[in-house]
Amino acid sequence: MEKLFQKICNSLAIVSLAVFSQTDVIAQETFTINPEFSENFVKSQGLRFLPVFRVNQKEIEVYKLEKAEVLTADYENVSKDIELVKFGYEQYLSKKEAIKTIITELNTFINSSDSYDKKENHLIVAQNLATKHDIIIEVKDERLSTSFLKDITNDNSTKTRKLLIHKNGKRTSEKDAIACKLYLEKIPYNEPVELYRDFNTYLKLTEQLSRIPKTEISEIKSSTLERKSVMLIDSVATNVQDLSGNFIELGTKYILIYDNYKDIFVKYQLTDKLNGFYNKGDDKLYSIIQNVDTKDMYYLMNDNYLSKLVGAQKTQWLIETVNKLGYKEYKSDDRYDENFYIKSKTSVIKLDVFTYSVLKENHNFIAELDADQGKLANLAKQSIQHSNKLDSYLSTYNVKKSRMSSTELSAWRTATKQADVLNMQMYKISEKYAGNYSITPIDKSYHSTISNFADNLLASKGVLGM
């Protein structure tokens, strides 16, 4: 049915279509809860019981929320990460700066022609910095590298010794000063590794922070108290099998708050907005159902229950309704298909959400469907003559092209307009069922006739610029 409608639409050059959707919202309806259905559902789900919670309205005193500019969560989180590596970053910079200063002091000592006593202070300053920043100098120990020692020990490895830039009571040789300087100049940029890691991470995080929005407008707790009516659930659950009667589902779904939170939410409160609060429990939204007679409300933390219940009752209503209209329901041969079907004079109709909605609105829907299908079949017969005429003009055009006479073109245009009137009649019928996959025509023999007609009409319009 849908493919046929699309063909007719193409010939009309219609872009925007009004179609039925199987997810259209149906007006709030009453459903019946009974212990027998609830017990069967609980068993089918492998549950011991299905809890529901009584909902009560209660006035509480809370701090009023007000809009204010606050740091964004991303900005706060990255800022905290930066603080964790900031000390290492600063230590790395300080150590590298100290090494530069020590090298400068050593160069001054080495290059100075002054007496040792006069230039010794450069070594003292350098050693103090090395001690402060835990800089340890290790140089090759030539004393342990003699050929005689290697022959005795059979050890060809390089020996090193720790060297102080300055030691009280001992003079530092120029050779040792040069060795210290050369050692410091060769220290890689990424050492010490643990400090460089923090340094590098700090740079990446600060660059990341520069690209994050710093503030946003959000609701925060003010200093003003206000009384507020909220919905709270009982702490003790009721078994769904204890419920009985007619109910409706309230339009808004709610989240259950599991703990008190900053005087904004209280334990066991229901809310449809978390306002940035991270709930320790389930953040899923669930329905509140209300007894039509007693007005008692219950929080039902299982969407599948309502879906199955309402679906079963709609199916039951559909079966009873079509039975009264003289139709007998049946199941398809597909064992995975749980839907019921009926056969009208012209169509196979699935008893689903769409059929439920249209039959609720119009009890004559099936009779009108059969009448429309009959009209469409009749119009399909009429279209054969028009289709043949248009096909003849198209064949002539394929041979003559621009050599077609004005008389031929005028006649072709007239025939196309007459065919378009018929096509519009078919469109108005097909439009009623556009997007509906619940209806399958039994007799599809005329569909190819309409398809050929639509092709010829569309081609004629294209050539004639209509």
Protein backbone atom coordinates (compact mmCIF):
# COMPACT_ATOMS: atom_id res chain seq x y z
CA MET A 1 0.00 0.00 0.00
CA GLU A 2 2.82 2.38 0.89
CA LYS A 3 4.77 1.78 -2.35
CA LEU A 4 1.64 2.35 -4.41
CA PHE A 5 0.93 5.61 -2.60
CA GLN A 6 4.50 6.77 -3.27
CA LYS A 7 4.03 6.16 -6.99
CA ILE A 8 0.88 8.29 -7.03
CA CYS A 9 2.62 11.02 -5.02
CA ASN A 10 5.55 11.12 -7.44
CA SER A 11 3.19 11.69 -10.32
CA LEU A 12 1.71 14.62 -8.40
CA ALA A 13 5.18 15.97 -7.53
CA ILE A 14 4.06 16.17 -3.91
CA VAL A 15 6.92 16.52 -1.44
CA SER A 16 5.27 16.94 1.96
CA LEU A 17 2.89 14.17 3.03
CA ALA A 18 0.53 13.93 5.98
CA VAL A 19 1.08 10.41 7.34
CA PHE A 20 -0.07 8.45 10.33
CA SER A 21 2.60 7.54 12.88
CA GLN A 22 2.27 4.49 15.06
CA THR A 23 3.94 6.45 17.85
CA ASP A 24 1.39 9.30 17.89
CA VAL A 25 0.28 10.13 21.41
CA ILE A 26 -3.12 8.71 22.26
CA ALA A 27 -5.29 10.61 24.73
CA GLN A 28 -4.90 9.53 28.36
CA GLU A 29 -6.93 6.38 28.88
CA THR A 30 -8.04 4.24 31.79
CA PHE A 31 -6.61 0.75 32.27
CA THR A 32 -7.58 -1.94 34.74
CA ILE A 33 -5.16 -3.58 37.16
CA ASN A 34 -6.18 -6.95 38.58
CA PRO A 35 -4.25 -9.41 40.78
CA GLU A 36 -4.47 -12.23 38.22
CA PHE A 37 -2.62 -10.30 35.48
CA SER A 38 -0.06 -9.00 37.99
CA GLU A 39 0.67 -12.49 39.31
CA ASN A 40 1.13 -13.90 35.80
CA PHE A 41 3.42 -11.00 34.87
CA VAL A 42 5.60 -11.43 37.95
CA LYS A 43 6.00 -15.15 37.23
CA SER A 44 6.77 -14.55 33.53
CA GLN A 45 9.57 -12.13 34.49
CA GLY A 46 11.13 -14.56 36.96
CA LEU A 47 10.50 -12.16 39.89
CA ARG A 48 9.49 -12.98 43.45
CA PHE A 49 7.33 -9.85 43.55
CA LEU A 50 7.06 -6.47 41.84
CA PRO A 51 7.15 -3.57 44.33
CA VAL A 52 5.17 -0.36 43.92
CA PHE A 53 5.41 2.60 46.29
CA ARG A 54 2.58 4.73 47.61
CA VAL A 55 3.08 8.40 46.68
CA ASN A 56 2.17 11.21 49.09
CA GLN A 57 2.18 14.98 48.70
CA LYS A 58 4.09 16.70 51.50
CA GLU A 59 5.20 20.25 52.27
CA ILE A 60 8.87 20.62 53.19
CA GLU A 61 11.13 23.59 53.91
CA VAL A 62 14.01 23.93 51.46
CA TYR A 63 16.41 26.60 50.33
CA LYS A 64 15.18 28.44 47.28
CA LEU A 65 17.11 27.89 44.07
CA GLU A 66 18.37 30.89 42.13
CA LYS A 67 20.21 31.32 38.88
CA ALA A 68 23.87 32.29 39.16
CA GLU A 69 27.10 32.14 37.21
CA VAL A 70 29.13 29.12 38.33
CA LEU A 71 32.21 27.27 37.13
CA THR A 72 31.44 24.54 34.63
CA ALA A 73 32.00 20.97 35.78
CA ASP A 74 34.65 20.38 33.09
CA TYR A 75 36.55 23.52 34.14
CA GLU A 76 36.48 22.49 37.80
CA ASN A 77 37.62 18.93 37.07
CA VAL A 78 40.56 19.97 34.87
CA SER A 79 41.54 22.65 37.41
CA LYS A 80 41.69 19.99 40.12
CA ASP A 81 43.89 17.80 37.88
CA ILE A 82 46.22 20.76 37.34
CA GLU A 83 46.59 21.26 41.09
CA LEU A 84 47.71 17.64 41.47
CA VAL A 85 50.72 18.17 39.17
CA LYS A 86 51.41 21.84 39.89
CA PHE A 87 54.00 21.14 42.63
CA GLY A 88 55.96 18.80 40.34
CA TYR A 89 55.75 21.36 37.53
CA GLU A 90 57.17 24.11 39.76
CA GLN A 91 59.87 21.79 41.15
CA TYR A 92 60.95 20.87 37.61
CA LEU A 93 61.25 24.54 36.59
CA SER A 94 63.06 25.43 39.81
CA LYS A 95 65.54 22.57 39.39
CA LYS A 96 66.27 23.45 35.77
CA GLU A 97 66.81 27.10 36.72
CA ALA A 98 69.15 26.04 39.56
CA ILE A 99 71.23 23.94 37.11
CA LYS A 100 71.61 26.97 34.82
CA THR A 101 72.76 29.12 37.74
CA ILE A 102 75.24 26.45 38.96
CA ILE A 103 76.75 26.19 35.45
CA THR A 104 77.11 29.98 35.36
CA GLU A 105 78.88 30.00 38.74
CA LEU A 106 81.21 27.16 37.66
CA ASN A 107 82.07 28.98 34.42
CA THR A 108 82.90 32.11 36.39
CA PHE A 109 85.14 30.05 38.72
CA ILE A 110 86.88 28.23 35.85
CA ASN A 111 87.45 31.31 33.71
CA SER A 112 88.54 33.60 36.56
CA SER A 113 92.28 34.37 36.95
CA ASP A 114 91.75 35.38 40.59
CA SER A 115 93.24 33.40 43.44
CA TYR A 116 91.28 30.41 44.73
CA ASP A 117 90.33 32.24 47.94
CA LYS A 118 88.84 35.12 45.98
CA LYS A 119 86.75 32.99 43.61
CA GLU A 120 85.85 30.18 46.04
CA ASN A 121 82.47 31.84 46.80
CA HIS A 122 81.22 30.85 43.31
CA LEU A 123 81.69 27.21 44.28
CA ILE A 124 79.94 27.76 47.62
CA VAL A 125 76.90 29.33 45.91
CA ALA A 126 76.82 26.50 43.36
CA GLN A 127 77.07 23.79 46.03
CA ASN A 128 74.32 25.37 48.15
CA LEU A 129 71.99 25.31 45.14
CA ALA A 130 72.92 21.69 44.36
CA THR A 131 72.22 20.68 47.95
CA LYS A 132 68.91 22.58 48.08
CA HIS A 133 67.63 20.95 44.88
CA ASP A 134 69.09 17.51 45.56
CA ILE A 135 71.35 17.64 42.51
CA ILE A 136 73.89 14.81 42.66
CA ILE A 137 76.91 14.86 40.33
CA GLU A 138 78.45 11.59 39.24
CA VAL A 139 81.61 11.63 37.09
CA LYS A 140 83.93 9.03 35.62
CA ASP A 141 86.54 7.97 38.19
CA GLU A 142 89.86 7.86 36.37
CA ARG A 143 91.50 6.51 39.51
CA LEU A 144 89.67 3.21 39.09
CA SER A 145 90.23 2.95 35.33
CA THR A 146 93.93 1.90 35.18
CA SER A 147 95.00 -1.00 32.98
CA PHE A 148 96.55 -2.70 36.03
CA LEU A 149 93.17 -2.68 37.90
CA LYS A 150 91.26 -3.99 34.88
CA ASP A 151 93.76 -6.86 34.54
CA ILE A 152 93.28 -7.82 38.20
CA THR A 153 89.46 -7.59 38.33
CA ASN A 154 88.61 -8.56 34.74
CA ASP A 155 86.06 -5.69 35.01
CA ASN A 156 85.90 -3.43 31.98
CA SER A 157 82.85 -1.43 33.19
CA THR A 158 83.10 2.32 33.67
CA LYS A 159 83.50 3.35 37.31
CA THR A 160 81.91 6.54 38.63
CA ARG A 161 82.15 8.55 41.81
CA LYS A 162 80.00 11.22 43.40
CA LEU A 163 81.56 14.63 43.27
CA LEU A 164 80.83 17.71 45.39
CA ILE A 165 81.30 21.13 43.81
CA HIS A 166 82.61 22.44 47.13
CA LYS A 167 83.53 20.80 50.40
CA ASN A 168 84.61 22.72 53.50
CA GLY A 169 88.27 22.29 54.28
CA LYS A 170 89.07 20.88 50.85
CA ARG A 171 90.03 22.74 47.73
CA THR A 172 88.16 21.92 44.50
CA SER A 173 90.48 21.42 41.58
CA GLU A 174 89.80 23.12 38.26
CA LYS A 175 89.62 19.65 36.71
CA ASP A 176 86.79 18.65 39.10
CA ALA A 177 84.99 21.95 38.50
CA ILE A 178 85.10 21.31 34.73
CA ALA A 179 83.87 17.73 35.27
CA CYS A 180 80.89 19.04 37.31
CA LYS A 181 80.04 21.60 34.63
CA LEU A 182 80.20 19.03 31.81
CA TYR A 183 78.01 16.61 33.80
CA LEU A 184 75.35 19.28 34.39
CA GLU A 185 75.35 20.39 30.77
CA LYS A 186 74.64 16.83 29.62
CA ILE A 187 71.58 16.25 31.86
CA PRO A 188 68.65 15.45 29.44
CA TYR A 189 65.70 17.87 29.34
CA ASN A 190 63.31 15.12 30.52
CA GLU A 191 65.17 14.36 33.76
CA PRO A 192 64.31 13.93 36.51
CA VAL A 193 61.62 11.77 34.92
CA GLU A 194 59.02 12.05 37.71
CA LEU A 195 59.18 15.86 37.71
CA TYR A 196 59.22 16.08 33.91
CA ARG A 197 56.08 13.91 33.80
CA ASP A 198 54.26 16.41 36.01
CA PHE A 199 55.72 19.33 34.01
CA ASN A 200 54.53 17.89 30.71
CA THR A 201 51.08 16.98 32.12
CA TYR A 202 50.71 20.49 33.55
CA LEU A 203 51.36 22.07 30.13
CA LYS A 204 48.82 19.78 28.41
CA LEU A 205 46.15 20.39 31.06
CA THR A 206 46.57 24.18 31.05
CA GLU A 207 46.24 24.17 27.26
CA GLN A 208 43.10 22.01 27.59
CA LEU A 209 41.72 24.35 30.26
CA SER A 210 42.12 27.35 27.94
CA ARG A 211 39.65 25.74 25.51
CA ILE A 212 36.96 24.90 28.10
CA PRO A 213 34.11 27.34 28.86
CA LYS A 214 34.87 28.66 32.33
CA THR A 215 31.37 29.52 33.59
CA GLU A 216 27.73 28.81 32.94
CA ILE A 217 24.38 29.94 34.33
CA SER A 218 22.97 27.33 36.69
CA GLU A 219 20.56 26.99 39.61
CA ILE A 220 22.25 27.07 43.01
CA LYS A 221 21.01 27.08 46.58
CA SER A 222 20.23 30.56 47.90
CA SER A 223 20.09 31.68 51.53
CA THR A 224 16.29 32.03 51.41
CA LEU A 225 14.07 29.26 52.77
CA GLU A 226 10.74 28.44 51.15
CA ARG A 227 7.99 25.92 51.70
CA LYS A 228 7.60 23.55 48.83
CA SER A 229 5.14 20.79 48.02
CA VAL A 230 6.90 17.62 46.90
CA MET A 231 5.98 14.03 46.17
CA LEU A 232 7.49 11.42 48.47
CA ILE A 233 7.17 7.64 48.35
CA ASP A 234 6.57 5.42 51.35
CA SER A 235 9.71 3.68 52.51
CA VAL A 236 7.84 0.36 52.60
CA ALA A 237 6.81 -1.12 49.23
CA THR A 238 3.43 -2.52 48.27
CA ASN A 239 3.21 -5.63 46.09
CA VAL A 240 1.66 -4.84 42.70
CA GLN A 241 -0.50 -7.94 43.16
CA ASP A 242 -2.29 -6.08 45.96
CA LEU A 243 -3.49 -3.37 43.56
CA SER A 244 -6.89 -3.59 41.94
CA GLY A 245 -9.14 -1.16 40.10
CA ASN A 246 -9.12 1.37 37.27
CA PHE A 247 -6.00 3.52 36.89
CA ILE A 248 -4.50 6.22 34.71
CA GLU A 249 -0.84 6.97 34.03
CA LEU A 250 0.19 10.53 34.91
CA GLY A 251 1.78 12.46 32.07
CA THR A 252 5.15 13.19 33.70
CA LYS A 253 7.73 10.54 34.65
CA TYR A 254 9.90 10.85 37.76
CA ILE A 255 13.28 9.91 39.21
CA LEU A 256 13.55 8.62 42.79
CA ILE A 257 16.05 10.47 45.02
CA TYR A 258 17.85 8.03 47.31
CA ASP A 259 19.46 10.45 49.82
CA ASN A 260 19.14 14.00 51.12
CA TYR A 261 21.09 16.40 48.94
CA LYS A 262 22.17 19.92 49.95
CA ASP A 263 18.69 20.99 51.09
CA ILE A 264 17.59 20.73 47.45
CA PHE A 265 16.22 17.19 47.49
CA VAL A 266 15.10 14.99 50.37
CA LYS A 267 15.34 11.23 50.65
CA TYR A 268 12.60 9.34 48.75
CA GLN A 269 11.52 12.46 46.86
CA LEU A 270 10.31 12.15 43.26
CA THR A 271 11.53 14.69 40.73
CA ASP A 272 11.56 15.06 36.97
CA LYS A 273 14.72 17.23 37.02
CA LEU A 274 18.04 16.42 38.70
CA ASN A 275 19.52 19.96 38.22
CA GLY A 276 23.02 18.50 37.85
CA PHE A 277 22.73 16.30 40.96
CA TYR A 278 24.29 12.84 40.62
CA ASN A 279 21.79 10.35 41.98
CA LYS A 280 23.31 7.37 43.80
CA GLY A 281 20.54 5.07 42.66
CA ASP A 282 18.68 4.61 39.40
CA ASP A 283 18.52 7.76 37.26
CA LYS A 284 15.79 6.28 35.06
CA LEU A 285 12.39 7.98 34.84
CA TYR A 286 9.39 5.90 35.88
CA SER A 287 5.63 6.42 35.86
CA ILE A 288 3.16 7.34 38.57
CA ILE A 289 -0.21 5.61 38.26
CA GLN A 290 -3.35 6.89 39.97
CA ASN A 291 -6.48 5.01 41.02
CA VAL A 292 -9.40 6.70 39.27
CA ASP A 293 -11.78 6.15 42.20
CA THR A 294 -9.62 6.58 45.32
CA LYS A 295 -7.08 9.04 43.76
CA ASP A 296 -4.30 7.04 45.47
CA MET A 297 -1.00 7.33 43.58
CA TYR A 298 1.73 4.71 43.19
CA TYR A 299 5.28 4.87 41.84
CA LEU A 300 5.87 1.91 39.53
CA MET A 301 9.55 1.20 38.78
CA ASN A 302 8.91 -1.16 35.88
CA ASP A 303 7.88 0.18 32.45
CA ASN A 304 7.47 -3.31 31.04
CA TYR A 305 4.55 -4.02 33.38
CA LEU A 306 2.49 -1.08 32.12
CA SER A 307 3.42 -1.79 28.52
CA LYS A 308 2.27 -5.41 28.77
CA LEU A 309 -0.85 -4.52 30.75
CA VAL A 310 -2.03 -1.72 28.48
CA GLY A 311 -1.07 -3.70 25.36
CA ALA A 312 -3.05 -6.74 26.51
CA GLN A 313 -6.13 -4.64 27.33
CA LYS A 314 -5.99 -2.80 24.00
CA THR A 315 -5.73 -6.11 22.19
CA GLN A 316 -8.69 -7.44 24.15
CA TRP A 317 -10.72 -4.33 23.27
CA LEU A 318 -9.77 -4.72 19.60
CA ILE A 319 -10.83 -8.38 19.53
CA GLU A 320 -14.16 -7.63 21.20
CA THR A 321 -14.78 -4.70 18.84
CA VAL A 322 -14.01 -6.55 15.59
CA ASN A 323 -16.02 -9.55 16.82
CA LYS A 324 -19.04 -7.25 17.24
CA LEU A 325 -18.45 -6.01 13.69
CA GLY A 326 -18.60 -9.59 12.41
CA TYR A 327 -14.87 -10.38 12.02
CA LYS A 328 -12.94 -13.30 13.52
CA GLU A 329 -9.41 -12.76 14.73
CA TYR A 330 -6.54 -15.13 13.93
CA LYS A 331 -2.78 -15.49 14.38
CA SER A 332 -0.25 -15.59 11.54
CA ASP A 333 1.86 -18.65 10.74
CA ASP A 334 4.96 -16.77 11.93
CA ARG A 335 5.66 -18.08 15.44
CA TYR A 336 7.57 -14.89 16.29
CA ASP A 337 4.58 -12.69 15.42
CA GLU A 338 2.40 -12.16 18.50
CA ASN A 339 -0.16 -9.92 16.74
CA PHE A 340 -3.73 -10.85 15.91
CA TYR A 341 -5.17 -10.23 12.43
CA ILE A 342 -8.56 -10.05 10.72
CA LYS A 343 -9.62 -10.20 7.07
CA SER A 344 -12.07 -7.64 5.75
CA LYS A 345 -13.55 -7.76 2.23
CA THR A 346 -10.45 -6.13 0.75
CA SER A 347 -7.62 -6.19 3.30
CA VAL A 348 -5.69 -8.05 5.98
CA ILE A 349 -5.65 -5.80 9.07
CA LYS A 350 -3.19 -6.16 11.94
CA LEU A 351 -4.76 -5.54 15.36
CA ASP A 352 -2.07 -3.18 16.65
CA VAL A 353 -1.64 0.33 18.04
CA PHE A 354 -2.62 2.02 14.78
CA THR A 355 -5.77 -0.04 14.32
CA TYR A 356 -6.67 0.57 17.97
CA SER A 357 -6.36 4.36 17.57
CA VAL A 358 -8.40 4.58 14.35
CA LEU A 359 -11.13 2.23 15.56
CA LYS A 360 -11.40 4.15 18.84
CA GLU A 361 -11.98 7.29 16.81
CA ASN A 362 -14.10 5.77 14.07
CA HIS A 363 -15.97 2.45 14.43
CA ASN A 364 -16.75 2.53 10.70
CA PHE A 365 -13.08 2.54 9.73
CA ILE A 366 -13.03 -1.01 8.31
CA ALA A 367 -16.18 -0.47 6.23
CA GLU A 368 -14.75 2.81 4.90
CA LEU A 369 -11.44 1.05 4.12
CA ASP A 370 -13.23 -1.59 2.07
CA ALA A 371 -15.19 1.08 0.22
CA ASP A 372 -12.01 3.03 -0.53
CA GLN A 373 -10.21 -0.07 -1.80
CA GLY A 374 -13.17 -0.73 -4.10
CA LYS A 375 -13.02 2.83 -5.41
CA LEU A 376 -9.28 2.54 -5.98
CA ALA A 377 -9.71 -0.70 -7.96
CA ASN A 378 -12.39 0.99 -10.10
CA LEU A 379 -10.19 4.02 -10.73
CA ALA A 380 -7.35 1.67 -11.69
CA LYS A 381 -9.56 0.23 -14.48
CA GLN A 382 -10.32 3.74 -15.71
CA SER A 383 -6.61 4.57 -15.73
CA ILE A 384 -5.82 1.95 -18.43
CA GLN A 385 -7.30 4.06 -21.24
CA HIS A 386 -5.46 7.18 -20.02
CA SER A 387 -2.20 5.27 -19.57
CA ASN A 388 -2.36 3.83 -23.12
CA LYS A 389 -3.00 7.27 -24.61
CA LEU A 390 -0.09 8.84 -22.72
CA ASP A 391 2.15 5.91 -23.67
CA SER A 392 1.29 6.50 -27.34
CA TYR A 393 2.27 10.17 -27.09
CA LEU A 394 5.51 9.24 -25.35
CA SER A 395 6.35 6.76 -28.15
CA THR A 396 5.70 9.43 -30.77
CA TYR A 397 7.90 11.86 -28.88
CA ASN A 398 10.73 9.30 -28.74
CA VAL A 399 10.64 9.15 -32.56
CA LYS A 400 9.93 12.78 -33.51
CA LYS A 401 11.39 14.70 -30.55
CA SER A 402 11.20 18.41 -31.40
CA ARG A 403 9.44 17.65 -34.72
CA MET A 404 6.08 16.98 -32.98
CA SER A 405 3.46 19.40 -34.30
CA SER A 406 1.79 21.98 -32.07
CA THR A 407 -1.51 20.14 -32.61
CA GLU A 408 0.01 16.90 -31.29
CA LEU A 409 1.55 18.67 -28.33
CA SER A 410 -1.75 20.42 -27.50
CA ALA A 411 -3.64 17.11 -27.61
CA TRP A 412 -0.97 15.46 -25.46
CA ARG A 413 -1.22 18.28 -22.92
CA THR A 414 -5.03 17.89 -22.77
CA ALA A 415 -4.72 14.13 -22.25
CA THR A 416 -2.18 14.68 -19.48
CA LYS A 417 -4.49 17.12 -17.66
CA GLN A 418 -7.38 14.63 -17.86
CA ALA A 419 -5.13 11.85 -16.52
CA ASP A 420 -3.98 14.13 -13.70
CA VAL A 421 -7.59 14.60 -12.55
CA LEU A 422 -7.93 10.83 -12.23
CA ASN A 423 -4.59 10.61 -10.44
CA MET A 424 -5.71 13.20 -7.89
CA GLN A 425 -8.79 11.09 -7.10
CA MET A 426 -6.54 8.07 -6.44
CA TYR A 427 -4.21 10.21 -4.33
CA LYS A 428 -7.00 11.43 -2.05
CA ILE A 429 -7.97 7.82 -1.32
CA SER A 430 -4.41 6.55 -0.84
CA GLU A 431 -3.47 9.52 1.38
CA LYS A 432 -5.76 8.25 4.13
CA TYR A 433 -3.57 5.19 4.62
CA ALA A 434 -0.12 6.63 3.94
CA GLY A 435 2.53 5.40 6.36
CA ASN A 436 0.23 2.67 7.62
CA TYR A 437 1.83 -0.78 7.62
CA SER A 438 -1.07 -2.37 9.51
CA ILE A 439 -3.15 -2.78 6.33
CA THR A 440 -2.30 -5.14 3.47
CA PRO A 441 -4.67 -5.25 0.46
CA ILE A 442 -5.74 -8.79 -0.45
CA ASP A 443 -6.07 -8.09 -4.16
CA LYS A 444 -2.92 -6.39 -5.48
CA SER A 445 -3.53 -7.16 -9.15
CA TYR A 446 -4.46 -3.57 -9.99
CA HIS A 447 -1.32 -2.12 -8.34
CA SER A 448 0.81 -2.69 -11.45
CA THR A 449 -1.87 -0.95 -13.52
CA ILE A 450 -1.72 2.13 -11.31
CA SER A 451 2.08 1.99 -11.26
CA ASN A 452 2.26 2.02 -15.09
CA PHE A 453 -0.27 4.83 -15.22
CA ALA A 454 1.73 6.89 -12.70
CA ASP A 455 4.97 6.30 -14.67
CA ASN A 456 3.41 7.49 -17.94
CA LEU A 457 1.81 10.50 -16.26
CA LEU A 458 5.06 11.51 -14.57
CA ALA A 459 7.04 11.12 -17.81
CA SER A 460 4.47 13.18 -19.75
CA LYS A 461 4.55 15.96 -17.20
CA GLY A 462 8.33 15.98 -17.38
CA VAL A 463 8.45 16.32 -21.16
CA LEU A 464 5.67 18.91 -21.30
CA GLY A 465 7.02 20.91 -18.36
CA MET A 466 3.76 20.60 -16.43
